[in-house]
């Protein structure tokens, strides 16, 4: 029998896949929530432009809000460590994973074609750049895959 992972990063966003990503992380942790790192990345803010005016939400506001949300999520898994990173999402995650010695990343692969085109594909970039194996959780019956989960390894 394979021993459970000692350090598992569950990369979550405020979407319908958060529960599935956490459930897979819990399964991999084999009941020991202290192995889990609940990670959310606050990307650089985008400006909202309306006529001659532009508004950018201050990064510190987004980070504070994200910290509170991730702490609430992690509180449902006693012992799990909440973490908020900032910056370009894939770079922030891969640099942190390498520094911290994370053994596996669990993330969602749920964006449709239009969202991937407009916003980029976190999952595809992560698959190519992560310094450890990545387990992707797909939506059931979604357009991205008919399987429940897929595994990609950066070592392949």
N, C-alpha and C. Protein backbone atom coordinates (compact mmCIF):
# COMPACT_ATOMS: atom_id res chain seq x y z
N UNK A 1 0.83 -1.19 0.00
CA UNK A 1 0.00 0.00 0.00
C UNK A 1 0.87 1.25 0.00
N UNK A 2 0.50 2.23 -0.84
CA UNK A 2 1.24 3.46 -0.93
C UNK A 2 0.95 4.35 0.29
N UNK A 3 2.01 4.94 0.85
CA UNK A 3 1.83 5.84 1.97
C UNK A 3 1.20 7.14 1.47
N UNK A 4 0.42 7.81 2.32
CA UNK A 4 -0.20 9.07 1.88
C UNK A 4 0.85 10.16 1.69
N UNK A 5 0.49 11.13 0.89
CA UNK A 5 1.37 12.28 0.69
C UNK A 5 1.50 13.06 1.99
N UNK A 6 2.69 13.61 2.21
CA UNK A 6 2.92 14.39 3.44
C UNK A 6 2.54 15.85 3.28
N UNK A 7 2.60 16.38 2.06
CA UNK A 7 2.29 17.80 1.83
C UNK A 7 1.48 17.92 0.53
N UNK A 8 0.22 18.32 0.68
CA UNK A 8 -0.71 18.38 -0.44
C UNK A 8 -1.23 19.81 -0.58
N UNK A 9 -1.07 20.37 -1.76
CA UNK A 9 -1.60 21.72 -2.03
C UNK A 9 -2.92 21.59 -2.78
N UNK A 10 -3.98 22.11 -2.20
CA UNK A 10 -5.29 22.15 -2.86
C UNK A 10 -5.49 23.58 -3.35
N UNK A 11 -5.37 23.78 -4.66
CA UNK A 11 -5.53 25.11 -5.24
C UNK A 11 -7.01 25.34 -5.53
N UNK A 12 -7.58 26.33 -4.85
CA UNK A 12 -9.01 26.57 -4.99
C UNK A 12 -9.28 27.99 -5.47
N UNK A 13 -10.44 28.15 -6.06
CA UNK A 13 -10.92 29.44 -6.50
C UNK A 13 -12.37 29.53 -6.05
N UNK A 14 -12.94 30.67 -6.15
CA UNK A 14 -14.34 30.82 -5.72
C UNK A 14 -15.27 30.34 -6.83
N UNK A 15 -15.32 29.05 -6.99
CA UNK A 15 -16.19 28.48 -8.02
C UNK A 15 -16.78 27.16 -7.55
N UNK A 16 -17.55 26.53 -8.42
CA UNK A 16 -18.25 25.29 -8.06
C UNK A 16 -17.32 24.09 -7.90
N UNK A 17 -16.06 24.23 -8.26
CA UNK A 17 -15.12 23.10 -8.16
C UNK A 17 -14.38 23.04 -6.82
N UNK A 18 -14.53 24.04 -5.98
CA UNK A 18 -13.81 24.07 -4.70
C UNK A 18 -14.07 22.81 -3.88
N UNK A 19 -15.31 22.42 -3.75
CA UNK A 19 -15.65 21.23 -2.95
C UNK A 19 -15.01 19.97 -3.50
N UNK A 20 -15.00 19.81 -4.81
CA UNK A 20 -14.42 18.61 -5.43
C UNK A 20 -12.90 18.57 -5.24
N UNK A 21 -12.25 19.74 -5.35
CA UNK A 21 -10.80 19.81 -5.14
C UNK A 21 -10.46 19.45 -3.69
N UNK A 22 -11.21 20.01 -2.76
CA UNK A 22 -10.97 19.71 -1.34
C UNK A 22 -11.24 18.25 -1.03
N UNK A 23 -12.30 17.68 -1.60
CA UNK A 23 -12.62 16.27 -1.35
C UNK A 23 -11.48 15.37 -1.83
N UNK A 24 -10.90 15.69 -2.97
CA UNK A 24 -9.78 14.89 -3.48
C UNK A 24 -8.55 15.06 -2.60
N UNK A 25 -8.31 16.27 -2.12
CA UNK A 25 -7.19 16.50 -1.20
C UNK A 25 -7.36 15.73 0.09
N UNK A 26 -8.58 15.72 0.64
CA UNK A 26 -8.88 14.97 1.86
C UNK A 26 -8.63 13.47 1.63
N UNK A 27 -9.05 12.97 0.48
CA UNK A 27 -8.84 11.55 0.15
C UNK A 27 -7.34 11.23 0.14
N UNK A 28 -6.55 12.10 -0.49
CA UNK A 28 -5.11 11.88 -0.57
C UNK A 28 -4.43 12.01 0.79
N UNK A 29 -4.98 12.85 1.66
CA UNK A 29 -4.39 13.06 3.00
C UNK A 29 -4.66 11.89 3.93
N UNK A 30 -5.53 11.00 3.54
CA UNK A 30 -5.83 9.79 4.31
C UNK A 30 -6.27 10.14 5.74
N UNK A 31 -7.12 11.17 5.86
CA UNK A 31 -7.66 11.54 7.16
C UNK A 31 -6.84 12.50 7.99
N UNK A 32 -5.62 12.82 7.55
CA UNK A 32 -4.75 13.73 8.31
C UNK A 32 -4.78 15.10 7.64
N UNK A 33 -5.69 15.98 8.12
CA UNK A 33 -5.86 17.29 7.50
C UNK A 33 -4.64 18.18 7.63
N UNK A 34 -3.73 17.87 8.55
CA UNK A 34 -2.54 18.70 8.71
C UNK A 34 -1.62 18.58 7.49
N UNK A 35 -1.89 17.63 6.62
CA UNK A 35 -1.10 17.49 5.39
C UNK A 35 -1.56 18.47 4.31
N UNK A 36 -2.73 19.07 4.51
CA UNK A 36 -3.34 19.92 3.48
C UNK A 36 -2.92 21.38 3.60
N UNK A 37 -2.62 21.98 2.45
CA UNK A 37 -2.42 23.42 2.34
C UNK A 37 -3.52 23.90 1.39
N UNK A 38 -4.39 24.74 1.88
CA UNK A 38 -5.49 25.27 1.08
C UNK A 38 -5.01 26.58 0.47
N UNK A 39 -4.80 26.58 -0.84
CA UNK A 39 -4.13 27.69 -1.52
C UNK A 39 -5.08 28.42 -2.48
N UNK A 40 -5.05 29.73 -2.37
CA UNK A 40 -5.79 30.58 -3.32
C UNK A 40 -4.83 31.67 -3.78
N UNK A 41 -4.87 32.00 -5.07
CA UNK A 41 -3.99 33.03 -5.60
C UNK A 41 -4.82 34.25 -5.99
N UNK A 42 -4.38 35.40 -5.52
CA UNK A 42 -4.99 36.66 -5.93
C UNK A 42 -4.14 37.19 -7.09
N UNK A 43 -4.74 37.19 -8.26
CA UNK A 43 -4.03 37.66 -9.45
C UNK A 43 -3.96 39.18 -9.44
N UNK A 44 -3.01 39.74 -10.19
CA UNK A 44 -2.95 41.20 -10.28
C UNK A 44 -4.31 41.74 -10.72
N UNK A 45 -4.75 42.85 -10.13
CA UNK A 45 -6.08 43.37 -10.44
C UNK A 45 -6.19 43.87 -11.88
N UNK A 46 -7.42 43.77 -12.39
CA UNK A 46 -7.72 44.30 -13.72
C UNK A 46 -8.51 45.59 -13.53
N UNK A 47 -8.31 46.52 -14.42
CA UNK A 47 -9.03 47.79 -14.35
C UNK A 47 -10.42 47.63 -14.95
N UNK A 48 -11.39 48.27 -14.32
CA UNK A 48 -12.74 48.36 -14.87
C UNK A 48 -12.84 49.76 -15.46
N UNK A 49 -13.05 49.83 -16.77
CA UNK A 49 -13.06 51.12 -17.45
C UNK A 49 -14.48 51.44 -17.90
N UNK A 50 -14.90 52.66 -17.63
CA UNK A 50 -16.20 53.14 -18.06
C UNK A 50 -16.01 54.58 -18.51
N UNK A 51 -15.98 54.78 -19.82
CA UNK A 51 -15.75 56.13 -20.35
C UNK A 51 -14.36 56.60 -19.98
N UNK A 52 -14.26 57.83 -19.48
CA UNK A 52 -12.93 58.35 -19.14
C UNK A 52 -12.44 57.90 -17.76
N UNK A 53 -13.24 57.09 -17.07
CA UNK A 53 -12.89 56.68 -15.71
C UNK A 53 -12.45 55.22 -15.66
N UNK A 54 -11.53 54.93 -14.77
CA UNK A 54 -11.09 53.55 -14.55
C UNK A 54 -11.03 53.31 -13.05
N UNK A 55 -11.37 52.09 -12.66
CA UNK A 55 -11.30 51.73 -11.25
C UNK A 55 -10.57 50.40 -11.13
N UNK A 56 -9.63 50.37 -10.24
CA UNK A 56 -8.91 49.14 -9.95
C UNK A 56 -9.07 48.88 -8.45
N UNK A 57 -9.61 47.70 -8.11
CA UNK A 57 -9.72 47.35 -6.70
C UNK A 57 -8.31 47.24 -6.12
N UNK A 58 -8.03 47.94 -5.05
CA UNK A 58 -6.69 47.84 -4.46
C UNK A 58 -6.35 46.39 -4.10
N UNK A 59 -5.12 45.99 -4.42
CA UNK A 59 -4.70 44.61 -4.19
C UNK A 59 -4.86 44.22 -2.73
N UNK A 60 -4.54 45.12 -1.80
CA UNK A 60 -4.64 44.77 -0.38
C UNK A 60 -6.06 44.41 0.01
N UNK A 61 -7.07 45.06 -0.61
CA UNK A 61 -8.47 44.72 -0.32
C UNK A 61 -8.78 43.30 -0.78
N UNK A 62 -8.32 42.97 -1.99
CA UNK A 62 -8.57 41.63 -2.51
C UNK A 62 -7.85 40.57 -1.68
N UNK A 63 -6.62 40.86 -1.25
CA UNK A 63 -5.86 39.90 -0.45
C UNK A 63 -6.53 39.69 0.91
N UNK A 64 -6.97 40.76 1.55
CA UNK A 64 -7.65 40.62 2.85
C UNK A 64 -8.93 39.80 2.72
N UNK A 65 -9.71 40.08 1.69
CA UNK A 65 -10.94 39.34 1.44
C UNK A 65 -10.63 37.86 1.18
N UNK A 66 -9.61 37.60 0.38
CA UNK A 66 -9.23 36.22 0.06
C UNK A 66 -8.75 35.48 1.31
N UNK A 67 -7.98 36.15 2.16
CA UNK A 67 -7.49 35.51 3.39
C UNK A 67 -8.65 35.09 4.29
N UNK A 68 -9.64 35.96 4.41
CA UNK A 68 -10.81 35.62 5.24
C UNK A 68 -11.55 34.43 4.64
N UNK A 69 -11.74 34.43 3.33
CA UNK A 69 -12.46 33.34 2.66
C UNK A 69 -11.70 32.01 2.80
N UNK A 70 -10.40 32.02 2.54
CA UNK A 70 -9.60 30.79 2.62
C UNK A 70 -9.55 30.29 4.07
N UNK A 71 -9.46 31.19 5.02
CA UNK A 71 -9.47 30.78 6.44
C UNK A 71 -10.79 30.10 6.78
N UNK A 72 -11.90 30.63 6.28
CA UNK A 72 -13.21 30.00 6.51
C UNK A 72 -13.27 28.61 5.90
N UNK A 73 -12.74 28.47 4.70
CA UNK A 73 -12.73 27.17 4.03
C UNK A 73 -11.87 26.19 4.82
N UNK A 74 -10.66 26.62 5.21
CA UNK A 74 -9.74 25.74 5.94
C UNK A 74 -10.29 25.37 7.32
N UNK A 75 -11.10 26.23 7.91
CA UNK A 75 -11.67 25.94 9.23
C UNK A 75 -12.57 24.71 9.21
N UNK A 76 -13.07 24.34 8.04
CA UNK A 76 -13.90 23.14 7.92
C UNK A 76 -13.05 21.87 7.92
N UNK A 77 -11.73 22.03 7.83
CA UNK A 77 -10.80 20.90 7.83
C UNK A 77 -9.75 21.16 8.92
N UNK A 78 -10.07 20.85 10.17
CA UNK A 78 -9.16 21.17 11.28
C UNK A 78 -7.74 20.65 11.05
N UNK A 79 -6.79 21.58 11.13
CA UNK A 79 -5.39 21.24 10.91
C UNK A 79 -4.87 21.67 9.55
N UNK A 80 -5.78 21.91 8.60
CA UNK A 80 -5.36 22.35 7.28
C UNK A 80 -4.83 23.78 7.38
N UNK A 81 -3.84 24.08 6.56
CA UNK A 81 -3.21 25.40 6.59
C UNK A 81 -3.73 26.27 5.44
N UNK A 82 -4.37 27.40 5.76
CA UNK A 82 -4.83 28.30 4.69
C UNK A 82 -3.67 29.17 4.20
N UNK A 83 -3.65 29.46 2.91
CA UNK A 83 -2.57 30.25 2.35
C UNK A 83 -3.10 31.06 1.17
N UNK A 84 -2.77 32.34 1.14
CA UNK A 84 -3.11 33.19 0.01
C UNK A 84 -1.81 33.69 -0.60
N UNK A 85 -1.67 33.46 -1.89
CA UNK A 85 -0.52 33.95 -2.64
C UNK A 85 -1.00 35.08 -3.54
N UNK A 86 -0.09 35.92 -4.00
CA UNK A 86 -0.47 36.96 -4.96
C UNK A 86 0.52 36.96 -6.11
N UNK A 87 0.03 37.39 -7.26
CA UNK A 87 0.86 37.44 -8.45
C UNK A 87 0.25 36.60 -9.56
N UNK A 88 0.99 36.44 -10.65
CA UNK A 88 0.50 35.58 -11.73
C UNK A 88 0.29 34.17 -11.15
N UNK A 89 -0.92 33.61 -11.28
CA UNK A 89 -1.26 32.38 -10.55
C UNK A 89 -0.31 31.20 -10.73
N UNK A 90 0.04 30.83 -11.95
CA UNK A 90 0.90 29.65 -12.13
C UNK A 90 2.28 29.90 -11.54
N UNK A 91 2.84 31.05 -11.78
CA UNK A 91 4.17 31.35 -11.23
C UNK A 91 4.13 31.36 -9.71
N UNK A 92 3.11 32.00 -9.13
CA UNK A 92 3.01 32.06 -7.66
C UNK A 92 2.93 30.66 -7.06
N UNK A 93 2.10 29.79 -7.66
CA UNK A 93 1.93 28.43 -7.13
C UNK A 93 3.21 27.62 -7.31
N UNK A 94 3.79 27.62 -8.51
CA UNK A 94 4.96 26.76 -8.75
C UNK A 94 6.16 27.19 -7.91
N UNK A 95 6.37 28.49 -7.75
CA UNK A 95 7.50 28.93 -6.91
C UNK A 95 7.27 28.55 -5.45
N UNK A 96 6.04 28.71 -4.96
CA UNK A 96 5.73 28.35 -3.58
C UNK A 96 5.87 26.84 -3.37
N UNK A 97 5.35 26.04 -4.30
CA UNK A 97 5.42 24.58 -4.22
C UNK A 97 6.87 24.12 -4.13
N UNK A 98 7.70 24.71 -4.96
CA UNK A 98 9.12 24.33 -4.96
C UNK A 98 9.80 24.69 -3.63
N UNK A 99 9.51 25.88 -3.12
CA UNK A 99 10.10 26.31 -1.83
C UNK A 99 9.65 25.44 -0.67
N UNK A 100 8.37 25.05 -0.67
CA UNK A 100 7.77 24.36 0.47
C UNK A 100 7.87 22.84 0.41
N UNK A 101 8.33 22.29 -0.70
CA UNK A 101 8.45 20.84 -0.81
C UNK A 101 7.11 20.11 -0.90
N UNK A 102 6.15 20.73 -1.54
CA UNK A 102 4.84 20.10 -1.73
C UNK A 102 5.01 18.88 -2.63
N UNK A 103 4.33 17.80 -2.30
CA UNK A 103 4.49 16.54 -3.04
C UNK A 103 3.48 16.36 -4.16
N UNK A 104 2.30 16.98 -4.04
CA UNK A 104 1.29 16.87 -5.09
C UNK A 104 0.37 18.10 -5.01
N UNK A 105 -0.07 18.54 -6.17
CA UNK A 105 -1.01 19.66 -6.27
C UNK A 105 -2.34 19.10 -6.75
N UNK A 106 -3.42 19.51 -6.10
CA UNK A 106 -4.77 19.16 -6.55
C UNK A 106 -5.41 20.46 -7.01
N UNK A 107 -5.92 20.47 -8.25
CA UNK A 107 -6.52 21.68 -8.81
C UNK A 107 -7.66 21.31 -9.74
N UNK A 108 -8.50 22.28 -10.02
CA UNK A 108 -9.62 22.07 -10.94
C UNK A 108 -9.18 22.36 -12.37
N UNK A 109 -9.76 21.64 -13.28
CA UNK A 109 -9.59 21.89 -14.71
C UNK A 109 -11.00 22.02 -15.27
N UNK A 110 -11.58 23.22 -15.10
CA UNK A 110 -13.01 23.33 -15.38
C UNK A 110 -13.40 24.48 -16.29
N UNK A 111 -12.47 25.24 -16.78
CA UNK A 111 -12.85 26.34 -17.66
C UNK A 111 -13.25 25.82 -19.03
N UNK A 112 -14.28 26.41 -19.57
CA UNK A 112 -14.70 26.09 -20.93
C UNK A 112 -13.79 26.77 -21.95
N UNK A 113 -14.05 26.51 -23.22
CA UNK A 113 -13.18 27.05 -24.28
C UNK A 113 -13.14 28.57 -24.28
N UNK A 114 -14.27 29.21 -24.13
CA UNK A 114 -14.31 30.66 -24.18
C UNK A 114 -13.55 31.26 -23.00
N UNK A 115 -13.78 30.74 -21.80
CA UNK A 115 -13.06 31.25 -20.62
C UNK A 115 -11.56 31.04 -20.75
N UNK A 116 -11.13 29.88 -21.26
CA UNK A 116 -9.70 29.62 -21.44
C UNK A 116 -9.10 30.63 -22.42
N UNK A 117 -9.84 30.95 -23.47
CA UNK A 117 -9.34 31.89 -24.47
C UNK A 117 -9.20 33.29 -23.87
N UNK A 118 -10.21 33.72 -23.12
CA UNK A 118 -10.20 35.07 -22.56
C UNK A 118 -9.31 35.21 -21.33
N UNK A 119 -9.33 34.23 -20.45
CA UNK A 119 -8.64 34.35 -19.17
C UNK A 119 -7.37 33.52 -19.06
N UNK A 120 -7.15 32.59 -19.97
CA UNK A 120 -5.99 31.71 -19.90
C UNK A 120 -6.35 30.42 -19.20
N UNK A 121 -5.52 29.43 -19.36
CA UNK A 121 -5.78 28.12 -18.78
C UNK A 121 -4.81 27.81 -17.66
N UNK A 122 -5.22 28.05 -16.42
CA UNK A 122 -4.39 27.77 -15.25
C UNK A 122 -3.95 26.31 -15.25
N UNK A 123 -4.90 25.40 -15.48
CA UNK A 123 -4.60 23.96 -15.41
C UNK A 123 -3.56 23.55 -16.44
N UNK A 124 -3.71 24.00 -17.68
CA UNK A 124 -2.76 23.57 -18.71
C UNK A 124 -1.36 24.13 -18.43
N UNK A 125 -1.27 25.37 -18.00
CA UNK A 125 0.04 25.94 -17.65
C UNK A 125 0.63 25.23 -16.44
N UNK A 126 -0.19 24.91 -15.47
CA UNK A 126 0.28 24.23 -14.27
C UNK A 126 0.82 22.84 -14.62
N UNK A 127 0.14 22.14 -15.52
CA UNK A 127 0.58 20.80 -15.91
C UNK A 127 1.99 20.82 -16.49
N UNK A 128 2.32 21.86 -17.22
CA UNK A 128 3.64 21.95 -17.86
C UNK A 128 4.72 22.51 -16.96
N UNK A 129 4.36 23.30 -15.96
CA UNK A 129 5.37 24.02 -15.19
C UNK A 129 5.51 23.59 -13.73
N UNK A 130 4.62 22.75 -13.23
CA UNK A 130 4.68 22.36 -11.81
C UNK A 130 5.91 21.47 -11.56
N UNK A 131 6.55 21.67 -10.41
CA UNK A 131 7.72 20.86 -10.08
C UNK A 131 7.37 19.53 -9.40
N UNK A 132 6.08 19.18 -9.36
CA UNK A 132 5.63 17.94 -8.74
C UNK A 132 4.41 17.44 -9.51
N UNK A 133 3.92 16.23 -9.20
CA UNK A 133 2.71 15.75 -9.86
C UNK A 133 1.51 16.65 -9.57
N UNK A 134 0.59 16.69 -10.53
CA UNK A 134 -0.63 17.48 -10.40
C UNK A 134 -1.82 16.57 -10.65
N UNK A 135 -2.80 16.63 -9.77
CA UNK A 135 -4.04 15.88 -9.95
C UNK A 135 -5.13 16.88 -10.30
N UNK A 136 -5.71 16.73 -11.50
CA UNK A 136 -6.77 17.63 -11.92
C UNK A 136 -8.13 17.00 -11.67
N UNK A 137 -9.02 17.78 -11.10
CA UNK A 137 -10.39 17.36 -10.85
C UNK A 137 -11.24 18.06 -11.90
N UNK A 138 -11.98 17.27 -12.66
CA UNK A 138 -12.83 17.80 -13.72
C UNK A 138 -14.29 17.78 -13.28
N UNK A 139 -15.09 18.70 -13.81
CA UNK A 139 -16.51 18.65 -13.48
C UNK A 139 -17.14 17.39 -14.08
N UNK A 140 -18.05 16.79 -13.36
CA UNK A 140 -18.72 15.61 -13.88
C UNK A 140 -19.64 16.02 -15.01
N UNK A 141 -19.49 15.34 -16.16
CA UNK A 141 -20.34 15.61 -17.30
C UNK A 141 -20.07 16.95 -17.96
N UNK A 142 -18.96 17.62 -17.57
CA UNK A 142 -18.63 18.92 -18.14
C UNK A 142 -18.01 18.77 -19.51
N UNK A 143 -17.85 19.88 -20.21
CA UNK A 143 -17.31 19.83 -21.56
C UNK A 143 -15.83 19.55 -21.61
N UNK A 144 -15.11 19.72 -20.47
CA UNK A 144 -13.67 19.54 -20.50
C UNK A 144 -13.26 18.07 -20.46
N UNK A 145 -14.07 17.22 -19.85
CA UNK A 145 -13.73 15.81 -19.78
C UNK A 145 -14.90 15.02 -19.25
N UNK A 146 -14.99 13.77 -19.65
CA UNK A 146 -16.05 12.92 -19.11
C UNK A 146 -15.56 12.11 -17.92
N UNK A 147 -14.24 12.20 -17.64
CA UNK A 147 -13.71 11.46 -16.49
C UNK A 147 -13.84 12.30 -15.23
N UNK A 148 -13.75 11.66 -14.09
CA UNK A 148 -13.87 12.36 -12.81
C UNK A 148 -12.57 13.08 -12.47
N UNK A 149 -11.43 12.52 -12.81
CA UNK A 149 -10.15 13.15 -12.49
C UNK A 149 -9.08 12.64 -13.44
N UNK A 150 -8.06 13.47 -13.64
CA UNK A 150 -6.93 13.07 -14.48
C UNK A 150 -5.65 13.47 -13.80
N UNK A 151 -4.58 12.76 -14.07
CA UNK A 151 -3.30 13.05 -13.42
C UNK A 151 -2.29 13.45 -14.47
N UNK A 152 -1.56 14.49 -14.19
CA UNK A 152 -0.45 14.91 -15.06
C UNK A 152 0.77 15.04 -14.18
N UNK A 153 1.91 14.72 -14.70
CA UNK A 153 3.13 14.84 -13.93
C UNK A 153 4.11 15.75 -14.65
N UNK A 154 4.71 16.67 -13.93
CA UNK A 154 5.69 17.58 -14.51
C UNK A 154 6.96 16.82 -14.86
N UNK A 155 7.12 15.63 -14.29
CA UNK A 155 8.34 14.86 -14.53
C UNK A 155 8.28 14.10 -15.85
N UNK A 156 7.08 13.97 -16.44
CA UNK A 156 6.92 13.20 -17.69
C UNK A 156 7.53 13.91 -18.87
